[in-house]
Amino acid sequence: MERTTNAIPADLTGTVDDRRTQLHGLGGDELDAVWLRRQLDSALLAWADCETELEIQKERHADY
């Protein structure tokens, strides 16, 4: 039996929990490395944005 490849899934979206649920539903054995890297980059950028916002809030609180 010949093995068929699945289409590349859409990018993960939403909260961390949303993304984890979506990723879990895809099954990781056949996911493309480029797609996985794009998801990692997206998650890291979102995390960095949150960390920046937290730092700004801390500075505002300290200045107040």
C-alpha atoms as a PDB file:
ATOM      1  CA  MET A   1       0.000   0.000   0.000  1.00  0.00           C
ATOM      2  CA  GLU A   2       1.414   3.356  -1.005  1.00  0.00           C
ATOM      3  CA  ARG A   3       1.645   6.014   1.688  1.00  0.00           C
ATOM      4  CA  THR A   4       0.024   9.346   0.906  1.00  0.00           C
ATOM      5  CA  THR A   5       1.138  12.616   2.407  1.00  0.00           C
ATOM      6  CA  ASN A   6      -1.334  14.917   4.055  1.00  0.00           C
ATOM      7  CA  ALA A   7      -1.681  18.521   3.040  1.00  0.00           C
ATOM      8  CA  ILE A   8       0.197  20.999   5.195  1.00  0.00           C
ATOM      9  CA  PRO A   9      -2.173  22.081   7.976  1.00  0.00           C
ATOM     10  CA  ALA A  10      -3.105  25.700   8.586  1.00  0.00           C
ATOM     11  CA  ASP A  11      -0.994  27.656  11.046  1.00  0.00           C
ATOM     12  CA  LEU A  12      -1.907  27.280  14.697  1.00  0.00           C
ATOM     13  CA  THR A  13      -3.774  30.199  16.230  1.00  0.00           C
ATOM     14  CA  GLY A  14      -5.159  31.342  19.551  1.00  0.00           C
ATOM     15  CA  THR A  15      -3.903  31.020  23.078  1.00  0.00           C
ATOM     16  CA  VAL A  16      -1.191  28.642  24.158  1.00  0.00           C
ATOM     17  CA  ASP A  17      -3.841  26.137  25.209  1.00  0.00           C
ATOM     18  CA  ASP A  18      -5.628  26.532  21.874  1.00  0.00           C
ATOM     19  CA  ARG A  19      -2.394  25.913  19.963  1.00  0.00           C
ATOM     20  CA  ARG A  20      -1.521  22.876  22.077  1.00  0.00           C
ATOM     21  CA  THR A  21      -4.959  21.383  21.467  1.00  0.00           C
ATOM     22  CA  GLN A  22      -4.701  22.013  17.732  1.00  0.00           C
ATOM     23  CA  LEU A  23      -1.205  20.519  17.585  1.00  0.00           C
ATOM     24  CA  HIS A  24      -2.255  17.464  19.577  1.00  0.00           C
ATOM     25  CA  GLY A  25      -5.123  16.874  17.156  1.00  0.00           C
ATOM     26  CA  LEU A  26      -2.772  16.826  14.175  1.00  0.00           C
ATOM     27  CA  GLY A  27      -0.547  13.950  15.257  1.00  0.00           C
ATOM     28  CA  GLY A  28       3.128  14.774  15.070  1.00  0.00           C
ATOM     29  CA  ASP A  29       4.609  11.909  13.096  1.00  0.00           C
ATOM     30  CA  GLU A  30       3.987  13.335   9.647  1.00  0.00           C
ATOM     31  CA  LEU A  31       4.262  17.090  10.204  1.00  0.00           C
ATOM     32  CA  ASP A  32       6.629  18.965   7.928  1.00  0.00           C
ATOM     33  CA  ALA A  33       9.767  20.386   9.578  1.00  0.00           C
ATOM     34  CA  VAL A  34       9.294  23.759   7.854  1.00  0.00           C
ATOM     35  CA  TRP A  35       5.722  23.990   9.138  1.00  0.00           C
ATOM     36  CA  LEU A  36       6.829  23.044  12.658  1.00  0.00           C
ATOM     37  CA  ARG A  37       9.574  25.686  12.562  1.00  0.00           C
ATOM     38  CA  ARG A  38       7.053  28.328  11.468  1.00  0.00           C
ATOM     39  CA  GLN A  39       4.815  27.379  14.404  1.00  0.00           C
ATOM     40  CA  LEU A  40       7.750  27.582  16.814  1.00  0.00           C
ATOM     41  CA  ASP A  41       8.777  30.992  15.467  1.00  0.00           C
ATOM     42  CA  SER A  42       5.200  32.244  15.796  1.00  0.00           C
ATOM     43  CA  ALA A  43       4.900  30.984  19.366  1.00  0.00           C
ATOM     44  CA  LEU A  44       8.235  32.514  20.354  1.00  0.00           C
ATOM     45  CA  LEU A  45       7.276  35.891  18.875  1.00  0.00           C
ATOM     46  CA  ALA A  46       3.960  35.831  20.756  1.00  0.00           C
ATOM     47  CA  TRP A  47       5.799  34.922  23.951  1.00  0.00           C
ATOM     48  CA  ALA A  48       8.326  37.728  23.448  1.00  0.00           C
ATOM     49  CA  ASP A  49       5.489  40.223  22.898  1.00  0.00           C
ATOM     50  CA  CYS A  50       3.848  39.102  26.151  1.00  0.00           C
ATOM     51  CA  GLU A  51       7.130  39.388  28.036  1.00  0.00           C
ATOM     52  CA  THR A  52       7.675  42.898  26.656  1.00  0.00           C
ATOM     53  CA  GLU A  53       4.195  43.927  27.761  1.00  0.00           C
ATOM     54  CA  LEU A  54       4.826  42.505  31.239  1.00  0.00           C
ATOM     55  CA  GLU A  55       8.081  44.453  31.494  1.00  0.00           C
ATOM     56  CA  ILE A  56       6.309  47.659  30.484  1.00  0.00           C
ATOM     57  CA  GLN A  57       3.633  47.038  33.118  1.00  0.00           C
ATOM     58  CA  LYS A  58       6.295  46.381  35.774  1.00  0.00           C
ATOM     59  CA  GLU A  59       8.061  49.639  34.889  1.00  0.00           C
ATOM     60  CA  ARG A  60       4.800  51.570  35.023  1.00  0.00           C
ATOM     61  CA  HIS A  61       4.045  50.086  38.419  1.00  0.00           C
ATOM     62  CA  ALA A  62       7.532  50.912  39.725  1.00  0.00           C
ATOM     63  CA  ASP A  63       7.283  54.495  38.423  1.00  0.00           C
ATOM     64  CA  TYR A  64       3.890  54.984  39.997  1.00  0.00           C
END
